[in-house]
Structures are given as structure tokens and as C-alpha cells.
Amino acid sequence: MSESPSLYRPLLESGQWFSHLPATLRDELLGEARLLQLEPGQRLFRRGDPPCGLYAVLEGMMRVGAVSRDGKEALLTLVEPPYWFGEISLFDGQPRTHDAYAEGPARLLQIPQAALRALLAREPGHWRDFALLMSQKLRLAFIALEEMSLLPAAPRLARRLLMMAEGYGETGPRRVLHLAQEQLALMLGLSRQTTNQILKDLEARGALRLTYGEIEITDLGTLRQAAGMA
């Protein structure tokens, strides 16, 4: 691919993590970066694969989850620009914990594992910067686990929509979520029917509008009330 990764610097700097890195580290990461183009459904890595570096989504969407032996899927998240992922294996050097596939055409930035390890060997102080990326994900995981245990389906779904509308704390707020009802159901461990029923109720209350493959948030206040956060 002939494009330079530096062309995507403004996009990457629209995200909280990358924009708060020291300028020298941002330069080094872009200098080591490679661009990847994935076709719809193409696998980036599978659970158990060896570490292959750190990734940022530049265009499209990545599906991160796992499939059991009997074919049941657990969808962890849908990753959109300018989200970074893959940092766990940087820390422990262990195999990948989940599967990552392109949800439609996707373009990614990859920082290879060897380049990252070499960079951190030269500048060990940067380990903290990557730890901040992982700690952000850990906070979100703890929140999701708590909500799964304590909240009924309706407020749990509303809270996940709010979290996505706020870009998981990584990007600015957005009103249109590129998310199918089936995907939302998988992320929350709910049936398709239950998810549809809750969404229809939220639509009737004016909190959102449903279109094919998208959910538009039309009233954040009503959605917060449904989430028990108002």
C-alpha cells in the first residue's frame, strides 16, 4: 500500500489515548507503522495466535469476540476509528485472547510486536503510556461485568448504548451508532427478541430511532433515564 501512515495522524489524534501521548512517541509509532487492508469477514487474528503487535482502526469496523466449539458466538465489542486494540499481548507476550475479524471492508494501522518491544527497550518509561491504554479497557470490562450481574436487561442495554454514544471515552460524542440489533444482543448476552422489544420501547419513548443497521440517539436525557442514570 503506497499511502503513508502519517496521513492518518489527524484521525488518530482525534482519539484520547493517542492525542495524549508524548509527541516523540507518536512520531515513533507512526514511523514503525504499516497499513493493512482487510476484506469483509477477513480474519486479522484468532484466539491462540501469537502476538502480532498493536492495531488502530482507520476505516470500517472490526468485530472482536470468540466462538465456542458448538458455534455459539460471544461478541465483545465492535471497534471503530480511531480505536486502538491488541495491547494485552504486548504486556505478557501470550497468545491472543479473542478473535478479530473485519466487519465489512476495513483499513488498519499495525505497529509490529518486534518494533514495539524494541521501542520499549530503548525507552522503558513509555510502558506507562501503553498501560493507560490497557487500564481504560479494564475499567470498561469491570463496568460491563458489574452491569451484567446487577442490572435488568433494559437499563443494561440503555447503558451500553450510552457508552457507545460517548465513544467508550476514547472519542467525542456521536448520535448515530452503526450497530445491528443482532450485534447488540450478542454483546449483552440477550436474545434477539428481547433486544428488539427493549429498543422498540425506547423508540416509542423518543430516546432513539431505529433504521436498518443503525441506531440514532435522539434524546440523551430519556436514554439516561432508561439507564437509571438521570
Protein backbone atom coordinates (compact mmCIF):
# COMPACT_ATOMS: atom_id res chain seq x y z
CA MET A 1 0.00 0.00 0.00
CA SER A 2 1.61 3.25 -1.14
CA GLU A 3 -0.04 5.63 1.34
CA SER A 4 1.98 6.88 4.28
CA PRO A 5 0.65 6.11 7.78
CA SER A 6 1.33 9.74 8.69
CA LEU A 7 -1.64 10.76 6.52
CA TYR A 8 -3.87 9.32 9.23
CA ARG A 9 -2.28 11.32 12.03
CA PRO A 10 -5.19 13.82 12.34
CA LEU A 11 -7.65 10.93 12.65
CA LEU A 12 -5.55 9.18 15.28
CA GLU A 13 -5.11 12.40 17.22
CA SER A 14 -8.89 12.74 17.45
CA GLY A 15 -8.74 9.84 19.93
CA GLN A 16 -7.98 10.41 23.61
CA TRP A 17 -5.17 7.88 24.02
CA PHE A 18 -3.02 8.77 21.00
CA SER A 19 -3.55 12.52 21.36
CA HIS A 20 -2.20 12.45 24.93
CA LEU A 21 0.99 10.54 24.07
CA PRO A 22 4.30 12.44 24.08
CA ALA A 23 4.95 13.88 20.61
CA THR A 24 8.15 11.82 20.26
CA LEU A 25 6.25 8.60 20.94
CA ARG A 26 3.56 9.49 18.40
CA ASP A 27 6.30 10.10 15.84
CA GLU A 28 7.99 6.78 16.60
CA LEU A 29 4.76 4.79 16.38
CA LEU A 30 3.86 6.31 13.03
CA GLY A 31 7.40 5.70 11.81
CA GLU A 32 7.08 1.98 12.58
CA ALA A 33 3.51 1.64 11.36
CA ARG A 34 2.20 -0.43 8.47
CA LEU A 35 -1.13 -0.06 6.70
CA LEU A 36 -3.35 -3.10 6.29
CA GLN A 37 -6.48 -3.51 4.16
CA LEU A 38 -8.96 -6.23 5.11
CA GLU A 39 -11.86 -7.59 3.09
CA PRO A 40 -15.30 -8.16 4.68
CA GLY A 41 -15.09 -11.12 7.04
CA GLN A 42 -11.31 -11.41 6.76
CA ARG A 43 -9.57 -12.59 9.92
CA LEU A 44 -6.91 -10.40 11.47
CA PHE A 45 -6.05 -12.87 14.23
CA ARG A 46 -7.67 -15.77 16.07
CA ARG A 47 -7.67 -16.74 19.75
CA GLY A 48 -4.44 -18.59 20.42
CA ASP A 49 -2.44 -16.84 17.67
CA PRO A 50 0.98 -15.47 18.68
CA PRO A 51 1.34 -11.73 19.45
CA CYS A 52 1.46 -9.63 16.30
CA GLY A 53 1.51 -6.07 17.58
CA LEU A 54 -0.83 -3.18 18.23
CA TYR A 55 -3.58 -2.01 15.86
CA ALA A 56 -5.67 1.09 15.25
CA VAL A 57 -8.83 1.15 13.14
CA LEU A 58 -8.63 3.80 10.42
CA GLU A 59 -11.67 2.91 8.29
CA GLY A 60 -14.50 0.45 8.73
CA MET A 61 -15.12 -1.71 11.77
CA MET A 62 -13.56 -4.73 13.49
CA ARG A 63 -15.51 -7.46 15.27
CA VAL A 64 -13.76 -8.73 18.42
CA GLY A 65 -15.11 -11.80 20.20
CA ALA A 66 -14.98 -15.58 20.29
CA VAL A 67 -16.90 -18.62 19.05
CA SER A 68 -17.37 -21.73 21.18
CA ARG A 69 -16.93 -25.28 19.91
CA ASP A 70 -20.69 -25.60 19.44
CA GLY A 71 -20.75 -22.44 17.30
CA LYS A 72 -22.13 -20.01 19.88
CA GLU A 73 -20.65 -16.52 19.48
CA ALA A 74 -19.70 -14.05 22.19
CA LEU A 75 -19.29 -10.57 20.75
CA LEU A 76 -17.04 -8.49 22.98
CA THR A 77 -17.09 -5.25 21.03
CA LEU A 78 -17.21 -3.62 17.61
CA VAL A 79 -14.11 -1.48 17.14
CA GLU A 80 -14.34 1.71 15.06
CA PRO A 81 -11.91 4.55 14.17
CA PRO A 82 -9.68 5.69 15.80
CA TYR A 83 -9.78 2.90 18.41
CA TRP A 84 -6.59 1.00 19.33
CA PHE A 85 -6.60 -2.67 20.30
CA GLY A 86 -4.30 -5.66 20.77
CA GLU A 87 -2.23 -4.31 23.67
CA ILE A 88 -2.70 -7.23 26.08
CA SER A 89 -0.24 -9.46 24.24
CA LEU A 90 2.30 -6.63 24.26
CA PHE A 91 2.47 -6.88 28.04
CA ASP A 92 2.51 -10.62 28.66
CA GLY A 93 3.75 -11.98 25.32
CA GLN A 94 0.99 -14.58 25.49
CA PRO A 95 -1.31 -15.70 22.62
CA ARG A 96 -4.30 -13.67 21.52
CA THR A 97 -7.31 -13.88 23.86
CA HIS A 98 -10.01 -13.30 21.21
CA ASP A 99 -10.79 -13.41 17.50
CA ALA A 100 -10.72 -10.25 15.39
CA TYR A 101 -12.47 -10.07 12.01
CA ALA A 102 -13.30 -7.25 9.62
CA GLU A 103 -16.97 -6.25 9.74
CA GLY A 104 -17.09 -5.06 6.15
CA PRO A 105 -14.05 -3.52 4.43
CA ALA A 106 -11.56 -2.21 6.98
CA ARG A 107 -8.25 -0.37 6.97
CA LEU A 108 -5.92 -0.71 9.94
CA LEU A 109 -2.67 0.66 11.24
CA GLN A 110 -0.33 -2.01 12.64
CA ILE A 111 2.69 -1.46 14.89
CA PRO A 112 4.53 -4.83 14.77
CA GLN A 113 5.30 -6.58 18.05
CA ALA A 114 9.08 -6.60 17.48
CA ALA A 115 9.12 -2.85 16.80
CA LEU A 116 7.11 -2.16 19.95
CA ARG A 117 9.38 -4.30 22.14
CA ALA A 118 12.46 -2.62 20.70
CA LEU A 119 10.99 0.83 21.29
CA LEU A 120 10.14 -0.02 24.90
CA ALA A 121 13.59 -1.50 25.50
CA ARG A 122 15.09 1.84 24.45
CA GLU A 123 12.53 3.96 26.30
CA PRO A 124 11.07 1.92 29.20
CA GLY A 125 9.28 4.99 30.53
CA HIS A 126 6.76 4.56 27.72
CA TRP A 127 5.42 1.38 29.31
CA ARG A 128 3.13 3.65 31.34
CA ASP A 129 1.61 5.08 28.17
CA PHE A 130 0.63 1.61 26.98
CA ALA A 131 -0.55 0.68 30.47
CA LEU A 132 -3.00 3.59 30.30
CA LEU A 133 -4.46 2.11 27.11
CA MET A 134 -4.95 -1.26 28.79
CA SER A 135 -6.31 0.23 32.03
CA GLN A 136 -9.00 2.07 30.06
CA LYS A 137 -10.18 -1.28 28.63
CA LEU A 138 -10.02 -2.87 32.09
CA ARG A 139 -12.28 -0.20 33.55
CA LEU A 140 -14.85 -0.77 30.81
CA ALA A 141 -14.68 -4.53 31.36
CA PHE A 142 -15.31 -4.15 35.10
CA ILE A 143 -18.27 -1.85 34.42
CA ALA A 144 -19.73 -4.37 31.95
CA LEU A 145 -19.30 -7.25 34.43
CA GLU A 146 -20.98 -5.29 37.20
CA GLU A 147 -23.91 -4.33 34.98
CA MET A 148 -24.29 -7.92 33.76
CA SER A 149 -24.61 -9.09 37.37
CA LEU A 150 -26.74 -6.32 38.86
CA LEU A 151 -28.93 -4.73 36.21
CA PRO A 152 -32.04 -5.98 34.41
CA ALA A 153 -31.86 -6.21 30.63
CA ALA A 154 -33.49 -2.84 29.78
CA PRO A 155 -31.24 -0.50 31.80
CA ARG A 156 -28.20 -2.59 30.88
CA LEU A 157 -28.97 -2.14 27.18
CA ALA A 158 -29.56 1.59 27.64
CA ARG A 159 -26.23 1.96 29.44
CA ARG A 160 -24.37 0.15 26.67
CA LEU A 161 -25.91 2.50 24.09
CA LEU A 162 -24.84 5.49 26.18
CA MET A 163 -21.31 4.12 26.45
CA MET A 164 -21.12 3.62 22.70
CA ALA A 165 -22.61 7.08 22.04
CA GLU A 166 -19.80 8.51 24.18
CA GLY A 167 -17.19 6.61 22.16
CA TYR A 168 -16.21 4.44 25.16
CA GLY A 169 -14.39 7.50 26.48
CA GLU A 170 -11.95 7.40 23.55
CA THR A 171 -13.68 9.72 21.08
CA GLY A 172 -16.20 12.53 21.21
CA PRO A 173 -19.96 12.01 21.44
CA ARG A 174 -21.91 10.74 18.44
CA ARG A 175 -25.60 10.25 17.78
CA VAL A 176 -25.64 7.55 15.09
CA LEU A 177 -24.38 4.08 16.05
CA HIS A 178 -23.57 1.71 13.20
CA LEU A 179 -24.94 -1.29 15.03
CA ALA A 180 -27.36 -4.04 14.08
CA GLN A 181 -29.80 -5.30 16.71
CA GLU A 182 -28.31 -8.78 16.46
CA GLN A 183 -24.86 -7.41 17.26
CA LEU A 184 -26.17 -5.51 20.28
CA ALA A 185 -27.90 -8.67 21.51
CA LEU A 186 -24.66 -10.65 21.24
CA MET A 187 -22.69 -8.01 23.13
CA LEU A 188 -25.18 -8.06 26.00
CA GLY A 189 -25.91 -11.78 26.08
CA LEU A 190 -29.60 -11.16 25.33
CA SER A 191 -31.95 -12.80 22.86
CA ARG A 192 -32.71 -11.03 19.60
CA GLN A 193 -36.38 -10.83 20.61
CA THR A 194 -35.66 -9.23 24.00
CA THR A 195 -33.28 -6.73 22.43
CA ASN A 196 -35.84 -5.75 19.80
CA GLN A 197 -38.56 -5.33 22.41
CA ILE A 198 -36.39 -3.01 24.55
CA LEU A 199 -35.30 -0.96 21.55
CA LYS A 200 -38.90 -0.58 20.34
CA ASP A 201 -39.88 0.68 23.80
CA LEU A 202 -37.02 3.18 23.79
CA GLU A 203 -38.07 4.31 20.32
CA ALA A 204 -41.66 4.79 21.49
CA ARG A 205 -40.34 6.94 24.36
CA GLY A 206 -38.42 9.11 21.89
CA ALA A 207 -34.96 8.09 23.09
CA LEU A 208 -33.82 6.71 19.75
CA ARG A 209 -34.74 5.93 16.17
CA LEU A 210 -34.18 2.55 14.55
CA THR A 211 -33.08 2.18 10.95
CA TYR A 212 -31.50 -0.72 9.09
CA GLY A 213 -28.12 -1.45 10.67
CA GLU A 214 -28.14 1.79 12.68
CA ILE A 215 -29.44 3.22 15.94
CA GLU A 216 -29.80 7.01 16.13
CA ILE A 217 -29.85 8.50 19.62
CA THR A 218 -32.49 11.25 19.52
CA ASP A 219 -32.85 12.13 23.23
CA LEU A 220 -29.91 11.51 25.55
CA GLY A 221 -31.90 12.61 28.59
CA THR A 222 -34.59 9.97 28.03
CA LEU A 223 -31.93 7.34 27.35
CA ARG A 224 -30.19 8.25 30.63
CA GLN A 225 -33.49 7.90 32.46
CA ALA A 226 -33.96 4.44 30.95
CA ALA A 227 -30.43 3.58 32.06
CA GLY A 228 -31.18 4.69 35.61
CA MET A 229 -28.53 7.42 35.37
CA ALA A 230 -30.68 10.57 35.30
